[in-house]
Amino acid sequence: MTAELNDAVVAAQAGDEDAFRFLYRSLQPGLLRYLIALVGADAEDVASETWLQISRDLASFTGGQFRAWTVTIARNRAMDHLRRQRRRPCMPVPVQELAELAADADTAERAGETIGTEAALALIGTLPPREAEAVLLRAVVGLDAQTAGRVLGRRPGAVRTATHRGLRRLAALLERHDPNGSSAIPAAAVPPRPRAGGRQAPYAEPADG
């Protein structure tokens, strides 16, 4: 996808409208989910502002990760919006709706889809802000720790730590709201439970993709 995305960027910079539409279709779902977590019901408006700026500034993009560039623009527009509204990031869906998540589907197969639902985003919105944004950028938008760190102005290790802690909190919350074991978080991403006797199995951070 990265090579295809890069090719589309070059073509869009040359004026190819189909290539720009491809960029929009590829990136808009993740951007919108990220913005829902930051600005709630105003996400569509902020996304529109984001794509207007992307369209206007596309010619000035000179390389690097295009996905990270677009997320940075979206985040800046969201922060501007919040300053104008003078309110903290909010979630439009109550956490209680997590109880409605299906319990009979395979977690690994549904993870990418389910974590983007409003209910899952509402759950992420209950995390401490640093952890919530780290989880969003890595699990929803799909950035690696180094790229997410550049977007957030943090070191990659700090992003990994925040993501790890956020996923642990999410796992606990999911168990509390869904005792049957259904989860909106990929099973491989959730840190292991402590072993009997209080010792915890080692946790390996998934390789950045």
Protein backbone atom coordinates (compact mmCIF):
# COMPACT_ATOMS: atom_id res chain seq x y z
CA MET A 1 0.00 0.00 0.00
CA THR A 2 2.86 2.37 0.77
CA ALA A 3 4.25 2.19 -2.77
CA GLU A 4 0.77 2.56 -4.24
CA LEU A 5 0.10 5.52 -1.98
CA ASN A 6 3.38 7.17 -2.96
CA ASP A 7 2.60 6.69 -6.65
CA ALA A 8 -0.82 8.24 -6.13
CA VAL A 9 0.73 11.25 -4.37
CA VAL A 10 3.07 11.89 -7.29
CA ALA A 11 0.21 11.56 -9.77
CA ALA A 12 -2.06 13.81 -7.71
CA GLN A 13 0.65 16.45 -7.53
CA ALA A 14 0.72 16.36 -11.32
CA GLY A 15 -3.01 17.07 -11.42
CA ASP A 16 -4.45 13.55 -11.68
CA GLU A 17 -7.91 13.81 -10.10
CA ASP A 18 -8.38 10.04 -9.95
CA ALA A 19 -5.17 9.76 -7.95
CA PHE A 20 -6.40 12.39 -5.50
CA ARG A 21 -9.69 10.51 -5.11
CA PHE A 22 -7.66 7.37 -4.38
CA LEU A 23 -5.78 9.23 -1.65
CA TYR A 24 -9.05 10.41 -0.16
CA ARG A 25 -10.64 6.95 -0.19
CA SER A 26 -7.52 5.41 1.34
CA LEU A 27 -6.99 7.91 4.15
CA GLN A 28 -10.36 9.44 4.98
CA PRO A 29 -11.76 6.54 7.09
CA GLY A 30 -8.81 6.55 9.49
CA LEU A 31 -8.64 10.35 9.61
CA LEU A 32 -12.34 10.58 10.39
CA ARG A 33 -12.14 8.05 13.23
CA TYR A 34 -9.18 9.92 14.67
CA LEU A 35 -11.03 13.24 14.45
CA ILE A 36 -14.16 11.78 16.05
CA ALA A 37 -12.04 11.04 19.10
CA LEU A 38 -10.68 14.59 19.15
CA VAL A 39 -13.68 16.76 18.28
CA GLY A 40 -16.71 14.48 18.47
CA ALA A 41 -19.68 15.46 16.33
CA ASP A 42 -17.67 18.14 14.52
CA ALA A 43 -15.34 15.56 12.95
CA GLU A 44 -16.86 15.81 9.46
CA ASP A 45 -16.38 19.60 9.39
CA VAL A 46 -12.78 19.34 10.59
CA ALA A 47 -12.11 16.56 8.06
CA SER A 48 -13.39 18.84 5.30
CA GLU A 49 -11.04 21.59 6.46
CA THR A 50 -8.23 19.05 6.52
CA TRP A 51 -8.78 17.94 2.95
CA LEU A 52 -9.06 21.52 1.75
CA GLN A 53 -5.63 22.19 3.19
CA ILE A 54 -4.24 18.92 1.82
CA SER A 55 -5.49 19.90 -1.63
CA ARG A 56 -4.06 23.39 -1.33
CA ASP A 57 -0.66 22.33 0.03
CA LEU A 58 -0.20 19.07 -1.88
CA ALA A 59 2.33 20.61 -4.26
CA SER A 60 4.54 21.53 -1.30
CA PHE A 61 4.76 17.94 -0.04
CA THR A 62 8.33 16.92 -0.79
CA GLY A 63 8.55 13.39 0.57
CA GLY A 64 8.38 11.36 3.73
CA GLN A 65 5.27 9.55 4.95
CA PHE A 66 2.23 11.09 3.30
CA ARG A 67 -0.09 9.46 5.82
CA ALA A 68 1.77 11.15 8.68
CA TRP A 69 1.66 14.48 6.84
CA THR A 70 -2.11 14.27 6.47
CA VAL A 71 -2.58 13.23 10.12
CA THR A 72 -0.48 16.19 11.26
CA ILE A 73 -2.70 18.54 9.25
CA ALA A 74 -5.82 16.91 10.69
CA ARG A 75 -4.49 17.20 14.24
CA ASN A 76 -3.61 20.87 13.76
CA ARG A 77 -7.08 21.63 12.37
CA ALA A 78 -8.64 19.75 15.30
CA MET A 79 -6.60 21.70 17.86
CA ASP A 80 -7.56 24.96 16.14
CA HIS A 81 -11.19 23.91 16.26
CA LEU A 82 -11.01 23.04 19.95
CA ARG A 83 -9.38 26.37 20.75
CA ARG A 84 -12.17 28.14 18.90
CA GLN A 85 -14.79 26.11 20.71
CA ARG A 86 -12.91 26.36 24.02
CA ARG A 87 -13.73 22.83 24.99
CA ARG A 88 -11.82 19.64 25.62
CA PRO A 89 -11.86 16.68 23.22
CA CYS A 90 -15.09 14.74 23.66
CA MET A 91 -16.71 11.52 22.61
CA PRO A 92 -20.27 11.45 21.24
CA VAL A 93 -21.06 7.89 22.33
CA PRO A 94 -21.38 6.71 25.96
CA VAL A 95 -19.07 3.94 27.11
CA GLN A 96 -22.12 1.91 28.18
CA GLU A 97 -22.79 1.15 24.51
CA LEU A 98 -19.82 -1.21 24.57
CA ALA A 99 -22.22 -3.80 25.91
CA GLU A 100 -23.76 -3.89 22.42
CA LEU A 101 -20.56 -5.11 20.78
CA ALA A 102 -21.08 -8.53 19.21
CA ALA A 103 -19.71 -11.42 21.24
CA ASP A 104 -19.75 -14.16 18.64
CA ALA A 105 -17.22 -12.93 16.07
CA ASP A 106 -13.54 -13.73 15.84
CA THR A 107 -11.65 -10.91 17.53
CA ALA A 108 -8.59 -10.98 15.30
CA GLU A 109 -10.62 -10.84 12.09
CA ARG A 110 -12.90 -8.05 13.31
CA ALA A 111 -10.29 -5.96 15.10
CA GLY A 112 -9.60 -3.46 12.34
CA GLU A 113 -13.30 -2.90 11.73
CA THR A 114 -14.53 -2.92 15.31
CA ILE A 115 -11.91 -0.61 16.75
CA GLY A 116 -13.19 2.04 14.37
CA THR A 117 -16.79 1.88 15.56
CA GLU A 118 -18.21 4.70 17.62
CA ALA A 119 -18.49 2.45 20.66
CA ALA A 120 -14.82 1.48 20.53
CA LEU A 121 -13.81 5.09 19.93
CA ALA A 122 -15.88 6.07 22.93
CA LEU A 123 -13.92 3.60 25.02
CA ILE A 124 -10.60 4.95 23.76
CA GLY A 125 -11.88 8.41 24.66
CA THR A 126 -11.98 7.43 28.34
CA LEU A 127 -8.22 6.87 28.41
CA PRO A 128 -5.77 9.54 29.59
CA PRO A 129 -5.20 11.90 26.62
CA ARG A 130 -1.60 10.83 25.91
CA GLU A 131 -2.56 7.15 25.86
CA ALA A 132 -5.74 7.74 23.86
CA GLU A 133 -3.98 9.59 21.07
CA ALA A 134 -1.15 7.05 20.93
CA VAL A 135 -3.64 4.18 20.58
CA LEU A 136 -5.60 6.11 17.95
CA LEU A 137 -2.57 6.91 15.82
CA ARG A 138 -1.19 3.38 16.00
CA ALA A 139 -4.32 1.17 16.02
CA VAL A 140 -6.79 3.33 14.08
CA VAL A 141 -4.69 5.42 11.70
CA GLY A 142 -2.00 2.77 11.31
CA LEU A 143 1.17 4.75 12.01
CA ASP A 144 4.28 3.11 13.43
CA ALA A 145 5.70 4.38 16.72
CA GLN A 146 8.39 6.52 15.11
CA THR A 147 5.96 8.26 12.76
CA ALA A 148 3.35 8.73 15.47
CA GLY A 149 6.08 10.23 17.61
CA ARG A 150 6.82 12.82 14.95
CA VAL A 151 3.14 13.73 14.73
CA LEU A 152 2.86 14.10 18.51
CA GLY A 153 6.28 15.59 19.13
CA ARG A 154 7.31 12.66 21.34
CA ARG A 155 9.98 10.02 21.26
CA PRO A 156 9.03 6.66 19.71
CA GLY A 157 9.67 4.91 23.03
CA ALA A 158 7.22 7.23 24.77
CA VAL A 159 4.59 6.47 22.12
CA ARG A 160 5.15 2.72 22.54
CA THR A 161 4.80 3.04 26.31
CA ALA A 162 1.63 5.11 26.02
CA THR A 163 0.16 2.64 23.52
CA HIS A 164 1.06 -0.31 25.74
CA ARG A 165 -0.54 1.29 28.79
CA GLY A 166 -3.61 2.34 26.83
CA LEU A 167 -4.16 -1.17 25.49
CA ARG A 168 -3.85 -2.61 28.99
CA ARG A 169 -6.52 -0.19 30.25
CA LEU A 170 -8.73 -1.00 27.26
CA ALA A 171 -8.40 -4.73 27.88
CA ALA A 172 -9.52 -4.24 31.49
CA LEU A 173 -12.43 -2.04 30.48
CA LEU A 174 -13.54 -4.47 27.80
CA GLU A 175 -13.58 -7.33 30.29
CA ARG A 176 -15.62 -5.21 32.68
CA HIS A 177 -18.20 -4.32 30.02
CA ASP A 178 -18.22 -7.66 28.23
CA PRO A 179 -17.62 -10.64 30.55
CA ASN A 180 -18.14 -13.05 27.63
CA GLY A 181 -14.74 -12.07 26.30
CA SER A 182 -15.67 -10.11 23.17
CA SER A 183 -13.05 -7.49 22.41
CA ALA A 184 -12.64 -4.51 20.12
CA ILE A 185 -8.86 -4.71 20.49
CA PRO A 186 -6.68 -7.16 18.53
CA ALA A 187 -5.81 -10.10 20.77
CA ALA A 188 -2.15 -9.91 19.78
CA ALA A 189 -2.01 -6.26 20.83
CA VAL A 190 -3.29 -6.77 24.36
CA PRO A 191 -0.52 -7.29 26.94
CA PRO A 192 -0.66 -10.68 28.68
CA ARG A 193 -2.33 -11.26 32.01
CA PRO A 194 -0.15 -11.97 35.03
CA ARG A 195 0.68 -15.63 35.54
CA ALA A 196 -0.31 -17.53 38.62
CA GLY A 197 1.79 -16.39 41.54
CA GLY A 198 1.83 -12.78 40.38
CA ARG A 199 4.56 -13.06 37.73
CA GLN A 200 3.72 -11.65 34.34
CA ALA A 201 4.69 -13.21 31.07
CA PRO A 202 7.08 -11.08 29.00
CA TYR A 203 5.41 -8.68 26.60
CA ALA A 204 6.98 -8.00 23.22
CA GLU A 205 6.04 -4.80 21.41
CA PRO A 206 4.77 -5.72 17.93
CA ALA A 207 7.21 -4.74 15.18
CA ASP A 208 6.39 -1.38 13.65
CA GLY A 209 4.84 -1.63 10.25
